[in-house]
Amino acid sequence: MRDEDIDFGDIPEFDASFWASDDAAPPADNSPRPQSGPASYTFEVYEDRSGEYRVRFMFNSEVVFSTTSYRTKSDAHRGIETIKRHMAEAGTIGID
């Protein structure tokens, strides 16, 4: 799968709405998120209140970031693979 094959929809500029979502729904069964070992990094795909899918990247049980919405669950999983593939080459931007 190539990045150009994924329909990301309208991805906003880097702002708070890109990294976290106010419409994030808790897990349906309120179960604790899985952990393995002393430090656990995980991706979690979930359905938001509008019926679209988002991805949370988590460290232990804390949300590090949440993505913009995807129309289908398979698009969200492809988004995870894109993040994994490009994470090492990602630059850092900051406010001076």
C-alpha atoms as a PDB file:
ATOM      1  CA  MET A   1       0.000   0.000   0.000  1.00  0.00           C
ATOM      2  CA  ARG A   2       1.388   3.387  -0.977  1.00  0.00           C
ATOM      3  CA  ASP A   3       0.556   6.627   0.851  1.00  0.00           C
ATOM      4  CA  GLU A   4      -1.039   8.043  -2.296  1.00  0.00           C
ATOM      5  CA  ASP A   5      -3.528   5.138  -2.233  1.00  0.00           C
ATOM      6  CA  ILE A   6      -4.939   6.248   1.117  1.00  0.00           C
ATOM      7  CA  ASP A   7      -7.780   8.751   1.227  1.00  0.00           C
ATOM      8  CA  PHE A   8      -6.881  10.930   4.190  1.00  0.00           C
ATOM      9  CA  GLY A   9      -9.725  13.361   3.501  1.00  0.00           C
ATOM     10  CA  ASP A  10      -9.152  16.932   4.579  1.00  0.00           C
ATOM     11  CA  ILE A  11      -6.293  16.824   7.054  1.00  0.00           C
ATOM     12  CA  PRO A  12      -6.123  20.078   9.025  1.00  0.00           C
ATOM     13  CA  GLU A  13      -2.961  22.066   9.605  1.00  0.00           C
ATOM     14  CA  PHE A  14      -1.016  21.185  12.733  1.00  0.00           C
ATOM     15  CA  ASP A  15      -3.287  22.421  15.489  1.00  0.00           C
ATOM     16  CA  ALA A  16      -4.800  20.964  18.631  1.00  0.00           C
ATOM     17  CA  SER A  17      -7.718  19.416  16.733  1.00  0.00           C
ATOM     18  CA  PHE A  18      -5.307  17.274  14.719  1.00  0.00           C
ATOM     19  CA  TRP A  19      -3.599  15.781  17.763  1.00  0.00           C
ATOM     20  CA  ALA A  20      -6.547  15.343  20.111  1.00  0.00           C
ATOM     21  CA  SER A  21     -10.269  15.138  19.724  1.00  0.00           C
ATOM     22  CA  ASP A  22     -13.028  16.370  21.981  1.00  0.00           C
ATOM     23  CA  ASP A  23     -15.410  13.867  20.410  1.00  0.00           C
ATOM     24  CA  ALA A  24     -13.325  10.855  21.365  1.00  0.00           C
ATOM     25  CA  ALA A  25     -15.538   8.158  22.773  1.00  0.00           C
ATOM     26  CA  PRO A  26     -14.299   5.984  25.647  1.00  0.00           C
ATOM     27  CA  PRO A  27     -14.001   2.247  25.039  1.00  0.00           C
ATOM     28  CA  ALA A  28     -17.507   0.783  24.758  1.00  0.00           C
ATOM     29  CA  ASP A  29     -17.038  -1.612  27.655  1.00  0.00           C
ATOM     30  CA  ASN A  30     -14.912   0.797  29.760  1.00  0.00           C
ATOM     31  CA  SER A  31     -12.246  -1.896  29.928  1.00  0.00           C
ATOM     32  CA  PRO A  32      -8.680  -0.958  30.821  1.00  0.00           C
ATOM     33  CA  ARG A  33      -6.346  -0.606  27.883  1.00  0.00           C
ATOM     34  CA  PRO A  34      -3.860  -3.458  27.417  1.00  0.00           C
ATOM     35  CA  GLN A  35      -0.331  -3.157  28.706  1.00  0.00           C
ATOM     36  CA  SER A  36       2.582  -5.497  28.303  1.00  0.00           C
ATOM     37  CA  GLY A  37       5.797  -5.135  30.233  1.00  0.00           C
ATOM     38  CA  PRO A  38       7.082  -2.055  32.072  1.00  0.00           C
ATOM     39  CA  ALA A  39       6.388   0.373  29.193  1.00  0.00           C
ATOM     40  CA  SER A  40       3.828  -0.222  26.503  1.00  0.00           C
ATOM     41  CA  TYR A  41       3.281   1.746  23.300  1.00  0.00           C
ATOM     42  CA  THR A  42       0.054   0.928  21.474  1.00  0.00           C
ATOM     43  CA  PHE A  43      -2.222   2.126  18.714  1.00  0.00           C
ATOM     44  CA  GLU A  44      -5.944   2.004  19.403  1.00  0.00           C
ATOM     45  CA  VAL A  45      -8.571   2.318  16.646  1.00  0.00           C
ATOM     46  CA  TYR A  46     -11.927   3.580  17.895  1.00  0.00           C
ATOM     47  CA  GLU A  47     -15.196   4.880  16.502  1.00  0.00           C
ATOM     48  CA  ASP A  48     -15.944   8.506  17.387  1.00  0.00           C
ATOM     49  CA  ARG A  49     -19.370   9.985  18.054  1.00  0.00           C
ATOM     50  CA  SER A  50     -19.856  10.892  14.376  1.00  0.00           C
ATOM     51  CA  GLY A  51     -19.403   7.240  13.342  1.00  0.00           C
ATOM     52  CA  GLU A  52     -15.946   7.723  11.831  1.00  0.00           C
ATOM     53  CA  TYR A  53     -12.745   6.096  13.015  1.00  0.00           C
ATOM     54  CA  ARG A  54      -9.742   7.619  14.742  1.00  0.00           C
ATOM     55  CA  VAL A  55      -6.440   6.280  16.012  1.00  0.00           C
ATOM     56  CA  ARG A  56      -4.982   6.937  19.440  1.00  0.00           C
ATOM     57  CA  PHE A  57      -1.261   6.443  20.033  1.00  0.00           C
ATOM     58  CA  MET A  58      -0.770   5.579  23.661  1.00  0.00           C
ATOM     59  CA  PHE A  59       2.063   5.147  26.143  1.00  0.00           C
ATOM     60  CA  ASN A  60       0.907   2.838  28.923  1.00  0.00           C
ATOM     61  CA  SER A  61      -2.665   4.046  29.375  1.00  0.00           C
ATOM     62  CA  GLU A  62      -2.030   7.715  28.512  1.00  0.00           C
ATOM     63  CA  VAL A  63      -3.051   9.170  25.136  1.00  0.00           C
ATOM     64  CA  VAL A  64      -0.037  10.717  23.398  1.00  0.00           C
ATOM     65  CA  PHE A  65      -1.976  11.798  20.313  1.00  0.00           C
ATOM     66  CA  SER A  66      -5.155  11.106  18.394  1.00  0.00           C
ATOM     67  CA  THR A  67      -5.506  11.390  14.628  1.00  0.00           C
ATOM     68  CA  THR A  68      -8.029  13.067  12.415  1.00  0.00           C
ATOM     69  CA  SER A  69     -10.995  10.921  11.418  1.00  0.00           C
ATOM     70  CA  TYR A  70     -11.035   8.183   8.784  1.00  0.00           C
ATOM     71  CA  ARG A  71     -14.169   7.036   6.964  1.00  0.00           C
ATOM     72  CA  THR A  72     -13.515   3.324   7.468  1.00  0.00           C
ATOM     73  CA  LYS A  73     -11.737   1.158  10.012  1.00  0.00           C
ATOM     74  CA  SER A  74      -9.442  -0.201   7.282  1.00  0.00           C
ATOM     75  CA  ASP A  75      -8.409   3.378   6.395  1.00  0.00           C
ATOM     76  CA  ALA A  76      -7.522   3.906  10.077  1.00  0.00           C
ATOM     77  CA  HIS A  77      -5.373   0.756  10.050  1.00  0.00           C
ATOM     78  CA  ARG A  78      -3.621   1.918   6.884  1.00  0.00           C
ATOM     79  CA  GLY A  79      -3.028   5.242   8.637  1.00  0.00           C
ATOM     80  CA  ILE A  80      -1.288   3.365  11.462  1.00  0.00           C
ATOM     81  CA  GLU A  81       0.977   1.621   8.955  1.00  0.00           C
ATOM     82  CA  THR A  82       1.823   4.997   7.376  1.00  0.00           C
ATOM     83  CA  ILE A  83       2.701   6.443  10.796  1.00  0.00           C
ATOM     84  CA  LYS A  84       4.914   3.444  11.591  1.00  0.00           C
ATOM     85  CA  ARG A  85       6.657   3.642   8.223  1.00  0.00           C
ATOM     86  CA  HIS A  86       7.472   7.362   8.487  1.00  0.00           C
ATOM     87  CA  MET A  87       7.923   7.883  12.242  1.00  0.00           C
ATOM     88  CA  ALA A  88      11.715   7.564  12.217  1.00  0.00           C
ATOM     89  CA  GLU A  89      12.107  10.251   9.531  1.00  0.00           C
ATOM     90  CA  ALA A  90       9.621  12.715  11.073  1.00  0.00           C
ATOM     91  CA  GLY A  91      11.055  16.113  11.870  1.00  0.00           C
ATOM     92  CA  THR A  92      10.301  18.243  14.885  1.00  0.00           C
ATOM     93  CA  ILE A  93       8.704  21.673  14.705  1.00  0.00           C
ATOM     94  CA  GLY A  94       8.348  24.083  17.561  1.00  0.00           C
ATOM     95  CA  ILE A  95       7.394  27.545  18.580  1.00  0.00           C
ATOM     96  CA  ASP A  96      10.294  29.914  19.235  1.00  0.00           C
END
